[in-house]
Amino acid sequence: MTNKTVDEILLNIENLRYRWRRGETDVLAIGRFAMNAGERVFLRGPSGSGKSTLLGVIGGVLKPQAGRDEILGQDLARMSGGGRDRFPAAHIGFVFHQFNLLPYLSVIDNVLLGGGFSRARRARLTSDPHKEAHRLVAELGLEREGVLDKAVMQLSVGQQQRVAVARALFGNPELVIADEPTSALDATAQAAFMDLLIRECRQSGAGLLFVSHDPSLAEGMDRVVDLGEINRARRAAA
């Protein structure tokens, strides 16, 4: 469990504007969007509403033309390219839409990748990295299923999901971002995955930004934010 307090501002976006090319119209124009540490926020928006672009900005992959993009008080928009790589890697864990696991690596090796690009993530560990990876997968039920030495391409979709969650949580990131990770699952599997993700983020103290077009997945979240309402660029284009 981490020492983060709920009153701490984890993510703060102010007067943010992003366009793909000079002279084109904005695809993002957000006055303010913020999250507290440990908060669980459901970000809802249909295809084309700017969800992927916003995640790219929050993750430091895209640099906005204007505004603030702060994680824990540090403005990624004013960092160098190297800083925008290192800082999110140290403080954000991603559960990607297609999981982005390396298919020929084992479960443990995929989890260890969660700290592979960040010295800060590794430094926050209170035990040997391999011990921490084993702890996470054991808590997620993968150890008793006997799959730890298997390549992840041999796992079921549900097992791959749990590996992706373990990798995102490795090294105690302050923020976990889940980008449409349940879109290929049936309703029962979706519910089980959401329970798992919320429970693990609560236990680690991580804030959770869950991104989806499906409002039925918002149960258990602290609040729901509609991207279509906060993104003035899309409202103006409508």
Protein backbone atom coordinates (compact mmCIF):
# COMPACT_ATOMS: atom_id res chain seq x y z
CA MET A 1 0.00 0.00 0.00
CA THR A 2 1.34 3.43 -0.86
CA ASN A 3 1.33 6.67 1.12
CA LYS A 4 -0.75 8.72 -1.31
CA THR A 5 -3.55 10.78 0.17
CA VAL A 6 -6.91 11.28 -1.50
CA ASP A 7 -6.57 15.09 -1.22
CA GLU A 8 -3.44 15.12 -3.40
CA ILE A 9 -4.02 16.24 -6.99
CA LEU A 10 -2.85 13.41 -9.20
CA LEU A 11 -3.79 14.65 -12.68
CA ASN A 12 -4.51 18.24 -13.63
CA ILE A 13 -5.32 19.44 -17.16
CA GLU A 14 -6.00 23.14 -17.73
CA ASN A 15 -6.74 25.09 -20.92
CA LEU A 16 -5.36 22.24 -22.99
CA ARG A 17 -5.45 22.46 -26.77
CA TYR A 18 -4.18 19.90 -29.22
CA ARG A 19 -4.31 19.76 -33.02
CA TRP A 20 -2.59 17.30 -35.30
CA ARG A 21 -1.07 19.84 -37.72
CA ARG A 22 -0.51 23.56 -37.88
CA GLY A 23 -3.52 25.30 -39.38
CA GLU A 24 -5.95 22.48 -38.62
CA THR A 25 -8.75 22.78 -36.08
CA ASP A 26 -8.28 21.55 -32.52
CA VAL A 27 -9.22 17.96 -31.71
CA LEU A 28 -8.88 18.69 -27.98
CA ALA A 29 -9.90 21.90 -26.20
CA ILE A 30 -10.37 21.13 -22.51
CA GLY A 31 -10.76 23.88 -19.92
CA ARG A 32 -10.12 21.67 -16.90
CA PHE A 33 -10.05 18.01 -16.01
CA ALA A 34 -8.52 16.79 -12.75
CA MET A 35 -8.23 13.65 -10.62
CA ASN A 36 -7.28 13.21 -7.00
CA ALA A 37 -4.85 10.54 -5.83
CA GLY A 38 -6.60 7.21 -5.39
CA GLU A 39 -9.72 8.38 -7.25
CA ARG A 40 -11.46 6.11 -9.76
CA VAL A 41 -12.79 8.02 -12.78
CA PHE A 42 -14.77 6.60 -15.69
CA LEU A 43 -14.07 8.62 -18.84
CA ARG A 44 -16.86 8.03 -21.32
CA GLY A 45 -16.90 8.94 -24.98
CA PRO A 46 -17.90 7.47 -28.34
CA SER A 47 -15.46 6.75 -31.14
CA GLY A 48 -14.06 10.00 -32.48
CA SER A 49 -14.58 11.98 -29.28
CA GLY A 50 -10.83 12.39 -28.69
CA LYS A 51 -10.27 9.64 -26.07
CA SER A 52 -7.15 8.19 -27.66
CA THR A 53 -5.70 11.64 -28.30
CA LEU A 54 -6.27 12.67 -24.69
CA LEU A 55 -4.59 9.49 -23.41
CA GLY A 56 -1.66 10.22 -25.70
CA VAL A 57 -1.31 13.67 -24.14
CA ILE A 58 -1.65 12.39 -20.56
CA GLY A 59 0.90 9.67 -21.28
CA GLY A 60 3.41 12.14 -22.72
CA VAL A 61 3.30 10.64 -26.23
CA LEU A 62 1.67 13.78 -27.67
CA LYS A 63 2.67 17.33 -26.76
CA PRO A 64 -0.20 19.85 -26.65
CA GLN A 65 0.13 23.21 -28.38
CA ALA A 66 -1.21 25.02 -25.31
CA GLY A 67 -2.22 24.44 -21.71
CA ARG A 68 -1.08 22.39 -18.73
CA ASP A 69 -0.80 18.61 -18.54
CA GLU A 70 0.31 17.90 -14.97
CA ILE A 71 0.99 14.58 -13.26
CA LEU A 72 1.74 15.02 -9.55
CA GLY A 73 2.40 18.73 -10.14
CA GLN A 74 4.88 18.18 -12.99
CA ASP A 75 3.82 19.67 -16.33
CA LEU A 76 4.57 17.20 -19.13
CA ALA A 77 3.76 19.87 -21.71
CA ARG A 78 6.90 21.77 -20.66
CA MET A 79 9.22 18.78 -20.48
CA SER A 80 11.73 17.73 -23.10
CA GLY A 81 10.99 14.67 -25.20
CA GLY A 82 13.13 12.54 -22.89
CA GLY A 83 11.31 13.84 -19.83
CA ARG A 84 7.94 13.06 -21.39
CA ASP A 85 9.17 9.48 -21.82
CA ARG A 86 10.68 8.98 -18.37
CA PHE A 87 8.15 10.71 -16.13
CA PRO A 88 5.01 8.87 -17.32
CA ALA A 89 6.92 5.58 -17.29
CA ALA A 90 7.71 6.21 -13.62
CA HIS A 91 4.21 7.20 -12.53
CA ILE A 92 1.65 5.69 -14.94
CA GLY A 93 0.72 2.04 -15.51
CA PHE A 94 -1.20 1.29 -18.72
CA VAL A 95 -3.68 -1.51 -19.42
CA PHE A 96 -3.94 -1.29 -23.19
CA HIS A 97 -6.90 -2.12 -25.40
CA GLN A 98 -5.10 -5.15 -26.89
CA PHE A 99 -2.98 -5.67 -23.71
CA ASN A 100 0.32 -5.21 -25.69
CA LEU A 101 1.95 -8.21 -24.03
CA LEU A 102 5.03 -9.75 -25.63
CA PRO A 103 3.63 -13.07 -26.86
CA TYR A 104 6.73 -15.25 -26.56
CA LEU A 105 7.76 -14.08 -23.08
CA SER A 106 6.54 -15.79 -19.92
CA VAL A 107 3.98 -14.35 -17.53
CA ILE A 108 6.67 -13.22 -15.07
CA ASP A 109 8.85 -11.66 -17.76
CA ASN A 110 5.89 -9.68 -19.10
CA VAL A 111 5.09 -8.38 -15.60
CA LEU A 112 8.73 -7.37 -15.08
CA LEU A 113 8.44 -5.15 -18.17
CA GLY A 114 6.29 -2.85 -16.00
CA GLY A 115 9.51 -1.63 -14.40
CA GLY A 116 11.85 -2.31 -17.27
CA PHE A 117 11.85 1.26 -18.58
CA SER A 118 11.73 3.10 -15.26
CA ARG A 119 14.37 3.13 -12.54
CA ALA A 120 11.87 4.97 -10.31
CA ARG A 121 9.31 2.16 -10.61
CA ARG A 122 11.98 -0.39 -9.63
CA ALA A 123 13.23 1.78 -6.78
CA ARG A 124 9.75 1.88 -5.20
CA LEU A 125 9.73 -1.89 -4.81
CA THR A 126 10.14 -3.14 -1.25
CA SER A 127 11.38 -6.57 -2.38
CA ASP A 128 13.31 -8.19 -5.22
CA PRO A 129 11.61 -7.49 -8.58
CA HIS A 130 11.02 -11.18 -9.25
CA LYS A 131 9.46 -11.61 -5.80
CA GLU A 132 7.17 -8.65 -6.44
CA ALA A 133 6.16 -10.00 -9.85
CA HIS A 134 5.35 -13.37 -8.26
CA ARG A 135 3.36 -11.63 -5.51
CA LEU A 136 1.22 -9.76 -8.01
CA VAL A 137 0.43 -12.74 -10.19
CA ALA A 138 -0.31 -14.84 -7.11
CA GLU A 139 -2.82 -12.24 -5.90
CA LEU A 140 -4.41 -12.34 -9.34
CA GLY A 141 -4.78 -16.13 -9.20
CA LEU A 142 -2.30 -16.96 -11.95
CA GLU A 143 0.11 -18.93 -9.76
CA ARG A 144 -2.46 -21.53 -8.74
CA GLU A 145 -3.43 -21.92 -12.39
CA GLY A 146 0.11 -23.11 -13.18
CA VAL A 147 0.80 -20.72 -16.06
CA LEU A 148 3.76 -18.67 -14.80
CA ASP A 149 6.32 -20.31 -17.09
CA LYS A 150 4.08 -20.32 -20.14
CA ALA A 151 4.40 -17.85 -22.98
CA VAL A 152 1.47 -15.47 -22.74
CA MET A 153 0.36 -16.45 -26.25
CA GLN A 154 -0.68 -19.78 -24.68
CA LEU A 155 -2.95 -18.12 -22.10
CA SER A 156 -6.67 -17.45 -22.27
CA VAL A 157 -7.90 -13.91 -22.82
CA GLY A 158 -8.90 -13.67 -19.16
CA GLN A 159 -5.44 -14.77 -18.04
CA GLN A 160 -3.80 -12.28 -20.40
CA GLN A 161 -5.93 -9.53 -18.88
CA ARG A 162 -4.63 -10.36 -15.43
CA VAL A 163 -1.04 -10.33 -16.68
CA ALA A 164 -1.69 -6.87 -18.16
CA VAL A 165 -3.08 -5.64 -14.82
CA ALA A 166 -0.10 -7.06 -12.91
CA ARG A 167 2.30 -5.34 -15.32
CA ALA A 168 0.46 -2.02 -14.95
CA LEU A 169 0.61 -2.25 -11.13
CA PHE A 170 4.26 -3.34 -10.94
CA GLY A 171 6.31 -0.72 -9.12
CA ASN A 172 3.30 1.03 -7.53
CA PRO A 173 2.47 3.69 -10.15
CA GLU A 174 0.29 6.50 -8.86
CA LEU A 175 -2.03 6.35 -11.88
CA VAL A 176 -3.38 3.37 -13.82
CA ILE A 177 -4.98 4.06 -17.21
CA ALA A 178 -7.17 1.37 -18.77
CA ASP A 179 -8.04 1.99 -22.43
CA GLU A 180 -11.11 -0.04 -23.52
CA PRO A 181 -9.62 -3.29 -22.15
CA THR A 182 -12.95 -5.17 -22.04
CA SER A 183 -14.36 -4.48 -25.51
CA ALA A 184 -13.88 -8.07 -26.73
CA LEU A 185 -15.40 -9.71 -23.63
CA ASP A 186 -18.91 -10.88 -22.86
CA ALA A 187 -20.88 -9.27 -20.01
CA THR A 188 -19.87 -11.84 -17.37
CA ALA A 189 -16.17 -11.58 -18.20
CA GLN A 190 -16.41 -7.77 -18.28
CA ALA A 191 -17.89 -7.66 -14.78
CA ALA A 192 -15.21 -9.98 -13.40
CA PHE A 193 -12.44 -7.92 -14.97
CA MET A 194 -13.82 -4.64 -13.63
CA ASP A 195 -14.09 -6.06 -10.12
CA LEU A 196 -10.48 -7.24 -10.37
CA LEU A 197 -9.11 -3.96 -11.70
CA ILE A 198 -10.94 -1.78 -9.14
CA ARG A 199 -9.94 -4.05 -6.26
CA GLU A 200 -6.27 -4.09 -7.22
CA CYS A 201 -6.09 -0.30 -7.72
CA ARG A 202 -7.80 0.24 -4.37
CA GLN A 203 -5.35 -2.10 -2.65
CA SER A 204 -2.29 -0.43 -4.19
CA GLY A 205 -3.64 3.10 -3.70
CA ALA A 206 -3.42 3.90 -7.41
CA GLY A 207 -5.81 6.28 -9.10
CA LEU A 208 -7.71 4.68 -11.97
CA LEU A 209 -8.71 6.38 -15.23
CA PHE A 210 -10.92 3.89 -17.07
CA VAL A 211 -11.75 4.84 -20.64
CA SER A 212 -14.71 3.33 -22.47
CA HIS A 213 -17.75 4.08 -24.60
CA ASP A 214 -19.86 1.63 -22.53
CA PRO A 215 -21.60 3.32 -19.56
CA SER A 216 -22.57 -0.05 -18.05
CA LEU A 217 -18.95 -0.46 -16.90
CA ALA A 218 -19.03 2.62 -14.67
CA GLU A 219 -20.26 0.80 -11.56
CA GLY A 220 -17.72 1.03 -8.75
CA MET A 221 -16.22 4.27 -10.01
CA ASP A 222 -16.17 7.44 -7.95
CA ARG A 223 -17.49 9.55 -10.81
CA VAL A 224 -18.20 9.57 -14.52
CA VAL A 225 -16.83 12.22 -16.88
CA ASP A 226 -18.27 12.59 -20.38
CA LEU A 227 -15.47 13.63 -22.73
CA GLY A 228 -18.00 15.09 -25.14
CA GLU A 229 -19.01 17.58 -22.45
CA ILE A 230 -15.51 18.72 -21.43
CA ASN A 231 -13.95 18.74 -24.91
CA ARG A 232 -15.07 22.02 -26.43
CA ALA A 233 -13.39 21.18 -29.74
CA ARG A 234 -15.80 18.32 -30.40
CA ARG A 235 -18.79 20.35 -29.26
CA ALA A 236 -17.85 23.12 -31.69
CA ALA A 237 -17.50 20.61 -34.53
CA ALA A 238 -20.90 19.03 -33.85
